Amino acid sequence: MSAGEEKDLAPFAALWAAPASPPRWVIWHPDADTMVFDTESNVPVDVDDASLDEVLRRMREAGAPESADYPGRACG
């Protein structure tokens, strides 16, 4: 990975830190999608398509939980 690509990923570095308990960021698989979900804000994290594969790879390497079940709390 080039220095420019690392710089592009810098805003996402917290996503692949060792998960806390309970984890703040999880990998969520709704339908055919895969996304990062912020359980504290209760919303998906906006990760650009160009960075998503690498962000997910690093999150998996760090042990981020993954599920098809909705990881957030009820809205409303």
PDB file of N, CA and C in Angstrom:
ATOM      1  N   MET A   1       0.860  -1.170   0.000  1.00  0.00           N
ATOM      2  CA  MET A   1       0.000   0.000   0.000  1.00  0.00           C
ATOM      3  C   MET A   1       0.903   1.228   0.000  1.00  0.00           C
ATOM      4  N   SER A   2       0.582   2.186  -0.829  1.00  0.00           N
ATOM      5  CA  SER A   2       1.401   3.390  -0.939  1.00  0.00           C
ATOM      6  C   SER A   2       1.104   4.367   0.200  1.00  0.00           C
ATOM      7  N   ALA A   3       2.018   5.333   0.362  1.00  0.00           N
ATOM      8  CA  ALA A   3       1.838   6.345   1.412  1.00  0.00           C
ATOM      9  C   ALA A   3       0.550   7.128   1.185  1.00  0.00           C
ATOM     10  N   GLY A   4       0.204   7.403  -0.070  1.00  0.00           N
ATOM     11  CA  GLY A   4      -1.035   8.120  -0.380  1.00  0.00           C
ATOM     12  C   GLY A   4      -2.264   7.337   0.019  1.00  0.00           C
ATOM     13  N   GLU A   5      -2.219   6.028  -0.205  1.00  0.00           N
ATOM     14  CA  GLU A   5      -3.356   5.184   0.170  1.00  0.00           C
ATOM     15  C   GLU A   5      -3.489   5.110   1.694  1.00  0.00           C
ATOM     16  N   GLU A   6      -2.355   5.042   2.385  1.00  0.00           N
ATOM     17  CA  GLU A   6      -2.391   5.036   3.857  1.00  0.00           C
ATOM     18  C   GLU A   6      -2.995   6.331   4.374  1.00  0.00           C
ATOM     19  N   LYS A   7      -2.626   7.457   3.757  1.00  0.00           N
ATOM     20  CA  LYS A   7      -3.162   8.755   4.164  1.00  0.00           C
ATOM     21  C   LYS A   7      -4.677   8.781   3.956  1.00  0.00           C
ATOM     22  N   ASP A   8      -5.142   8.203   2.844  1.00  0.00           N
ATOM     23  CA  ASP A   8      -6.575   8.168   2.560  1.00  0.00           C
ATOM     24  C   ASP A   8      -7.333   7.357   3.605  1.00  0.00           C
ATOM     25  N   LEU A   9      -6.673   6.362   4.199  1.00  0.00           N
ATOM     26  CA  LEU A   9      -7.310   5.512   5.201  1.00  0.00           C
ATOM     27  C   LEU A   9      -7.204   6.083   6.608  1.00  0.00           C
ATOM     28  N   ALA A  10      -6.373   7.087   6.813  1.00  0.00           N
ATOM     29  CA  ALA A  10      -6.145   7.652   8.144  1.00  0.00           C
ATOM     30  C   ALA A  10      -7.439   8.024   8.887  1.00  0.00           C
ATOM     31  N   PRO A  11      -8.441   8.605   8.215  1.00  0.00           N
ATOM     32  CA  PRO A  11      -9.666   8.953   8.956  1.00  0.00           C
ATOM     33  C   PRO A  11     -10.422   7.740   9.505  1.00  0.00           C
ATOM     34  N   PHE A  12     -10.121   6.556   8.997  1.00  0.00           N
ATOM     35  CA  PHE A  12     -10.834   5.345   9.413  1.00  0.00           C
ATOM     36  C   PHE A  12     -10.050   4.509  10.424  1.00  0.00           C
ATOM     37  N   ALA A  13      -8.875   4.939  10.834  1.00  0.00           N
ATOM     38  CA  ALA A  13      -7.985   4.127  11.677  1.00  0.00           C
ATOM     39  C   ALA A  13      -8.650   3.623  12.952  1.00  0.00           C
ATOM     40  N   ALA A  14      -9.523   4.389  13.553  1.00  0.00           N
ATOM     41  CA  ALA A  14     -10.190   3.942  14.787  1.00  0.00           C
ATOM     42  C   ALA A  14     -11.049   2.704  14.559  1.00  0.00           C
ATOM     43  N   LEU A  15     -11.479   2.487  13.327  1.00  0.00           N
ATOM     44  CA  LEU A  15     -12.364   1.363  13.024  1.00  0.00           C
ATOM     45  C   LEU A  15     -11.675   0.016  13.201  1.00  0.00           C
ATOM     46  N   TRP A  16     -10.354  -0.038  13.054  1.00  0.00           N
ATOM     47  CA  TRP A  16      -9.683  -1.324  13.211  1.00  0.00           C
ATOM     48  C   TRP A  16      -8.814  -1.392  14.465  1.00  0.00           C
ATOM     49  N   ALA A  17      -9.095  -0.532  15.411  1.00  0.00           N
ATOM     50  CA  ALA A  17      -8.462  -0.669  16.724  1.00  0.00           C
ATOM     51  C   ALA A  17      -9.076  -1.898  17.394  1.00  0.00           C
ATOM     52  N   ALA A  18      -8.369  -2.461  18.337  1.00  0.00           N
ATOM     53  CA  ALA A  18      -8.905  -3.635  19.034  1.00  0.00           C
ATOM     54  C   ALA A  18     -10.296  -3.315  19.577  1.00  0.00           C
ATOM     55  N   PRO A  19     -11.282  -4.167  19.305  1.00  0.00           N
ATOM     56  CA  PRO A  19     -12.651  -3.862  19.724  1.00  0.00           C
ATOM     57  C   PRO A  19     -12.799  -3.792  21.243  1.00  0.00           C
ATOM     58  N   ALA A  20     -13.576  -2.830  21.687  1.00  0.00           N
ATOM     59  CA  ALA A  20     -13.928  -2.701  23.101  1.00  0.00           C
ATOM     60  C   ALA A  20     -15.060  -3.675  23.399  1.00  0.00           C
ATOM     61  N   SER A  21     -15.475  -3.713  24.627  1.00  0.00           N
ATOM     62  CA  SER A  21     -16.595  -4.571  24.978  1.00  0.00           C
ATOM     63  C   SER A  21     -17.658  -3.728  25.676  1.00  0.00           C
ATOM     64  N   PRO A  22     -18.797  -3.534  25.118  1.00  0.00           N
ATOM     65  CA  PRO A  22     -19.209  -3.992  23.790  1.00  0.00           C
ATOM     66  C   PRO A  22     -18.525  -3.173  22.702  1.00  0.00           C
ATOM     67  N   PRO A  23     -18.379  -3.759  21.514  1.00  0.00           N
ATOM     68  CA  PRO A  23     -17.685  -3.056  20.432  1.00  0.00           C
ATOM     69  C   PRO A  23     -18.483  -1.868  19.909  1.00  0.00           C
ATOM     70  N   ARG A  24     -17.781  -0.796  19.575  1.00  0.00           N
ATOM     71  CA  ARG A  24     -18.460   0.359  18.988  1.00  0.00           C
ATOM     72  C   ARG A  24     -18.709   0.134  17.509  1.00  0.00           C
ATOM     73  N   TRP A  25     -17.716  -0.381  16.786  1.00  0.00           N
ATOM     74  CA  TRP A  25     -17.847  -0.566  15.343  1.00  0.00           C
ATOM     75  C   TRP A  25     -17.903  -2.040  15.023  1.00  0.00           C
ATOM     76  N   VAL A  26     -18.876  -2.408  14.212  1.00  0.00           N
ATOM     77  CA  VAL A  26     -19.054  -3.796  13.800  1.00  0.00           C
ATOM     78  C   VAL A  26     -19.218  -3.851  12.285  1.00  0.00           C
ATOM     79  N   ILE A  27     -18.980  -5.026  11.737  1.00  0.00           N
ATOM     80  CA  ILE A  27     -19.209  -5.251  10.305  1.00  0.00           C
ATOM     81  C   ILE A  27     -20.598  -5.860  10.177  1.00  0.00           C
ATOM     82  N   TRP A  28     -21.429  -5.198   9.414  1.00  0.00           N
ATOM     83  CA  TRP A  28     -22.829  -5.594   9.276  1.00  0.00           C
ATOM     84  C   TRP A  28     -23.094  -6.006   7.837  1.00  0.00           C
ATOM     85  N   HIS A  29     -23.834  -7.110   7.675  1.00  0.00           N
ATOM     86  CA  HIS A  29     -24.186  -7.658   6.358  1.00  0.00           C
ATOM     87  C   HIS A  29     -25.695  -7.617   6.141  1.00  0.00           C
ATOM     88  N   PRO A  30     -26.278  -6.434   5.894  1.00  0.00           N
ATOM     89  CA  PRO A  30     -27.710  -6.430   5.569  1.00  0.00           C
ATOM     90  C   PRO A  30     -27.890  -6.839   4.107  1.00  0.00           C
ATOM     91  N   ASP A  31     -28.733  -7.793   3.867  1.00  0.00           N
ATOM     92  CA  ASP A  31     -28.984  -8.280   2.495  1.00  0.00           C
ATOM     93  C   ASP A  31     -27.667  -8.636   1.817  1.00  0.00           C
ATOM     94  N   ALA A  32     -27.389  -8.072   0.638  1.00  0.00           N
ATOM     95  CA  ALA A  32     -26.166  -8.395  -0.105  1.00  0.00           C
ATOM     96  C   ALA A  32     -25.045  -7.391   0.163  1.00  0.00           C
ATOM     97  N   ASP A  33     -25.287  -6.406   1.024  1.00  0.00           N
ATOM     98  CA  ASP A  33     -24.289  -5.384   1.317  1.00  0.00           C
ATOM     99  C   ASP A  33     -23.393  -5.797   2.482  1.00  0.00           C
ATOM    100  N   THR A  34     -22.271  -5.114   2.584  1.00  0.00           N
ATOM    101  CA  THR A  34     -21.402  -5.212   3.752  1.00  0.00           C
ATOM    102  C   THR A  34     -21.028  -3.791   4.101  1.00  0.00           C
ATOM    103  N   MET A  35     -21.216  -3.430   5.374  1.00  0.00           N
ATOM    104  CA  MET A  35     -20.906  -2.068   5.779  1.00  0.00           C
ATOM    105  C   MET A  35     -20.388  -2.056   7.209  1.00  0.00           C
ATOM    106  N   VAL A  36     -19.841  -0.921   7.590  1.00  0.00           N
ATOM    107  CA  VAL A  36     -19.395  -0.702   8.959  1.00  0.00           C
ATOM    108  C   VAL A  36     -20.524   0.028   9.685  1.00  0.00           C
ATOM    109  N   PHE A  37     -20.828  -0.427  10.887  1.00  0.00           N
ATOM    110  CA  PHE A  37     -21.914   0.172  11.663  1.00  0.00           C
ATOM    111  C   PHE A  37     -21.357   0.698  12.978  1.00  0.00           C
ATOM    112  N   ASP A  38     -21.743   1.920  13.331  1.00  0.00           N
ATOM    113  CA  ASP A  38     -21.341   2.560  14.579  1.00  0.00           C
ATOM    114  C   ASP A  38     -22.466   2.343  15.587  1.00  0.00           C
ATOM    115  N   THR A  39     -22.237   1.484  16.563  1.00  0.00           N
ATOM    116  CA  THR A  39     -23.290   1.165  17.533  1.00  0.00           C
ATOM    117  C   THR A  39     -23.539   2.304  18.510  1.00  0.00           C
ATOM    118  N   GLU A  40     -22.568   3.212  18.675  1.00  0.00           N
ATOM    119  CA  GLU A  40     -22.760   4.359  19.568  1.00  0.00           C
ATOM    120  C   GLU A  40     -23.680   5.397  18.934  1.00  0.00           C
ATOM    121  N   SER A  41     -23.435   5.713  17.660  1.00  0.00           N
ATOM    122  CA  SER A  41     -24.278   6.675  16.943  1.00  0.00           C
ATOM    123  C   SER A  41     -25.516   6.032  16.348  1.00  0.00           C
ATOM    124  N   ASN A  42     -25.528   4.694  16.288  1.00  0.00           N
ATOM    125  CA  ASN A  42     -26.646   3.920  15.760  1.00  0.00           C
ATOM    126  C   ASN A  42     -26.892   4.166  14.271  1.00  0.00           C
ATOM    127  N   VAL A  43     -25.793   4.317  13.522  1.00  0.00           N
ATOM    128  CA  VAL A  43     -25.879   4.539  12.075  1.00  0.00           C
ATOM    129  C   VAL A  43     -24.707   3.860  11.372  1.00  0.00           C
ATOM    130  N   PRO A  44     -24.866   3.549  10.077  1.00  0.00           N
ATOM    131  CA  PRO A  44     -23.719   3.060   9.306  1.00  0.00           C
ATOM    132  C   PRO A  44     -22.654   4.149   9.197  1.00  0.00           C
ATOM    133  N   VAL A  45     -21.398   3.721   9.135  1.00  0.00           N
ATOM    134  CA  VAL A  45     -20.268   4.636   8.957  1.00  0.00           C
ATOM    135  C   VAL A  45     -20.092   4.865   7.464  1.00  0.00           C
ATOM    136  N   ASP A  46     -19.881   6.115   7.074  1.00  0.00           N
ATOM    137  CA  ASP A  46     -19.687   6.455   5.666  1.00  0.00           C
ATOM    138  C   ASP A  46     -18.235   6.172   5.269  1.00  0.00           C
ATOM    139  N   VAL A  47     -18.007   4.990   4.704  1.00  0.00           N
ATOM    140  CA  VAL A  47     -16.689   4.608   4.196  1.00  0.00           C
ATOM    141  C   VAL A  47     -16.803   4.578   2.682  1.00  0.00           C
ATOM    142  N   ASP A  48     -15.954   5.362   2.007  1.00  0.00           N
ATOM    143  CA  ASP A  48     -16.038   5.421   0.547  1.00  0.00           C
ATOM    144  C   ASP A  48     -15.732   4.056  -0.064  1.00  0.00           C
ATOM    145  N   ASP A  49     -16.317   3.804  -1.231  1.00  0.00           N
ATOM    146  CA  ASP A  49     -16.180   2.510  -1.899  1.00  0.00           C
ATOM    147  C   ASP A  49     -14.726   2.134  -2.155  1.00  0.00           C
ATOM    148  N   ALA A  50     -13.887   3.114  -2.469  1.00  0.00           N
ATOM    149  CA  ALA A  50     -12.480   2.838  -2.774  1.00  0.00           C
ATOM    150  C   ALA A  50     -11.732   2.325  -1.550  1.00  0.00           C
ATOM    151  N   SER A  51     -12.158   2.674  -0.355  1.00  0.00           N
ATOM    152  CA  SER A  51     -11.468   2.287   0.878  1.00  0.00           C
ATOM    153  C   SER A  51     -12.123   1.119   1.598  1.00  0.00           C
ATOM    154  N   LEU A  52     -13.363   0.804   1.264  1.00  0.00           N
ATOM    155  CA  LEU A  52     -14.133  -0.161   2.041  1.00  0.00           C
ATOM    156  C   LEU A  52     -13.450  -1.519   2.178  1.00  0.00           C
ATOM    157  N   ASP A  53     -12.951  -2.098   1.100  1.00  0.00           N
ATOM    158  CA  ASP A  53     -12.341  -3.428   1.189  1.00  0.00           C
ATOM    159  C   ASP A  53     -11.170  -3.448   2.163  1.00  0.00           C
ATOM    160  N   GLU A  54     -10.324  -2.426   2.110  1.00  0.00           N
ATOM    161  CA  GLU A  54      -9.165  -2.376   2.997  1.00  0.00           C
ATOM    162  C   GLU A  54      -9.589  -2.109   4.443  1.00  0.00           C
ATOM    163  N   VAL A  55     -10.573  -1.251   4.648  1.00  0.00           N
ATOM    164  CA  VAL A  55     -11.078  -0.995   5.999  1.00  0.00           C
ATOM    165  C   VAL A  55     -11.654  -2.289   6.585  1.00  0.00           C
ATOM    166  N   LEU A  56     -12.451  -3.012   5.815  1.00  0.00           N
ATOM    167  CA  LEU A  56     -13.023  -4.271   6.290  1.00  0.00           C
ATOM    168  C   LEU A  56     -11.935  -5.294   6.572  1.00  0.00           C
ATOM    169  N   ARG A  57     -10.937  -5.377   5.727  1.00  0.00           N
ATOM    170  CA  ARG A  57      -9.833  -6.319   5.937  1.00  0.00           C
ATOM    171  C   ARG A  57      -9.149  -6.034   7.270  1.00  0.00           C
ATOM    172  N   ARG A  58      -8.864  -4.765   7.519  1.00  0.00           N
ATOM    173  CA  ARG A  58      -8.183  -4.391   8.757  1.00  0.00           C
ATOM    174  C   ARG A  58      -9.068  -4.602   9.978  1.00  0.00           C
ATOM    175  N   MET A  59     -10.358  -4.344   9.842  1.00  0.00           N
ATOM    176  CA  MET A  59     -11.278  -4.587  10.954  1.00  0.00           C
ATOM    177  C   MET A  59     -11.345  -6.075  11.282  1.00  0.00           C
ATOM    178  N   ARG A  60     -11.418  -6.914  10.253  1.00  0.00           N
ATOM    179  CA  ARG A  60     -11.453  -8.366  10.480  1.00  0.00           C
ATOM    180  C   ARG A  60     -10.166  -8.828  11.152  1.00  0.00           C
ATOM    181  N   GLU A  61      -9.047  -8.308  10.682  1.00  0.00           N
ATOM    182  CA  GLU A  61      -7.749  -8.655  11.261  1.00  0.00           C
ATOM    183  C   GLU A  61      -7.694  -8.265  12.745  1.00  0.00           C
ATOM    184  N   ALA A  62      -8.329  -7.169  13.114  1.00  0.00           N
ATOM    185  CA  ALA A  62      -8.343  -6.700  14.506  1.00  0.00           C
ATOM    186  C   ALA A  62      -9.381  -7.432  15.353  1.00  0.00           C
ATOM    187  N   GLY A  63     -10.231  -8.245  14.724  1.00  0.00           N
ATOM    188  CA  GLY A  63     -11.224  -9.017  15.470  1.00  0.00           C
ATOM    189  C   GLY A  63     -12.578  -8.358  15.615  1.00  0.00           C
ATOM    190  N   ALA A  64     -12.900  -7.421  14.728  1.00  0.00           N
ATOM    191  CA  ALA A  64     -14.212  -6.767  14.793  1.00  0.00           C
ATOM    192  C   ALA A  64     -15.320  -7.804  14.586  1.00  0.00           C
ATOM    193  N   PRO A  65     -16.392  -7.731  15.366  1.00  0.00           N
ATOM    194  CA  PRO A  65     -17.497  -8.669  15.184  1.00  0.00           C
ATOM    195  C   PRO A  65     -18.226  -8.428  13.864  1.00  0.00           C
ATOM    196  N   GLU A  66     -18.813  -9.503  13.360  1.00  0.00           N
ATOM    197  CA  GLU A  66     -19.492  -9.472  12.069  1.00  0.00           C
ATOM    198  C   GLU A  66     -20.817 -10.212  12.179  1.00  0.00           C
ATOM    199  N   SER A  67     -21.872  -9.647  11.577  1.00  0.00           N
ATOM    200  CA  SER A  67     -23.175 -10.303  11.672  1.00  0.00           C
ATOM    201  C   SER A  67     -24.126  -9.780  10.605  1.00  0.00           C
ATOM    202  N   ALA A  68     -25.103 -10.607  10.272  1.00  0.00           N
ATOM    203  CA  ALA A  68     -26.181 -10.182   9.384  1.00  0.00           C
ATOM    204  C   ALA A  68     -27.320  -9.568  10.204  1.00  0.00           C
ATOM    205  N   ASP A  69     -27.308  -9.783  11.515  1.00  0.00           N
ATOM    206  CA  ASP A  69     -28.342  -9.214  12.396  1.00  0.00           C
ATOM    207  C   ASP A  69     -28.092  -7.728  12.585  1.00  0.00           C
ATOM    208  N   TYR A  70     -29.178  -6.959  12.712  1.00  0.00           N
ATOM    209  CA  TYR A  70     -29.057  -5.523  12.933  1.00  0.00           C
ATOM    210  C   TYR A  70     -28.278  -5.278  14.221  1.00  0.00           C
ATOM    211  N   PRO A  71     -27.145  -4.573  14.148  1.00  0.00           N
ATOM    212  CA  PRO A  71     -26.307  -4.407  15.339  1.00  0.00           C
ATOM    213  C   PRO A  71     -26.666  -3.211  16.214  1.00  0.00           C
ATOM    214  N   GLY A  72     -27.635  -2.397  15.787  1.00  0.00           N
ATOM    215  CA  GLY A  72     -27.957  -1.179  16.520  1.00  0.00           C
ATOM    216  C   GLY A  72     -29.135  -1.359  17.465  1.00  0.00           C
ATOM    217  N   ARG A  73     -29.463  -0.283  18.109  1.00  0.00           N
ATOM    218  CA  ARG A  73     -30.610  -0.287  19.014  1.00  0.00           C
ATOM    219  C   ARG A  73     -31.848   0.216  18.263  1.00  0.00           C
ATOM    220  N   ALA A  74     -32.989  -0.012  18.786  1.00  0.00           N
ATOM    221  CA  ALA A  74     -34.227   0.425  18.137  1.00  0.00           C
ATOM    222  C   ALA A  74     -34.254   1.941  18.004  1.00  0.00           C
ATOM    223  N   CYS A  75     -34.727   2.401  16.868  1.00  0.00           N
ATOM    224  CA  CYS A  75     -34.846   3.852  16.633  1.00  0.00           C
ATOM    225  C   CYS A  75     -36.167   4.326  17.207  1.00  0.00           C
ATOM    226  N   GLY A  76     -36.179   5.587  17.646  1.00  0.00           N
ATOM    227  CA  GLY A  76     -37.451   6.156  18.043  1.00  0.00           C
ATOM    228  C   GLY A  76     -37.618   6.457  19.439  1.00  0.00           C
TER     229      GLY A  76
END
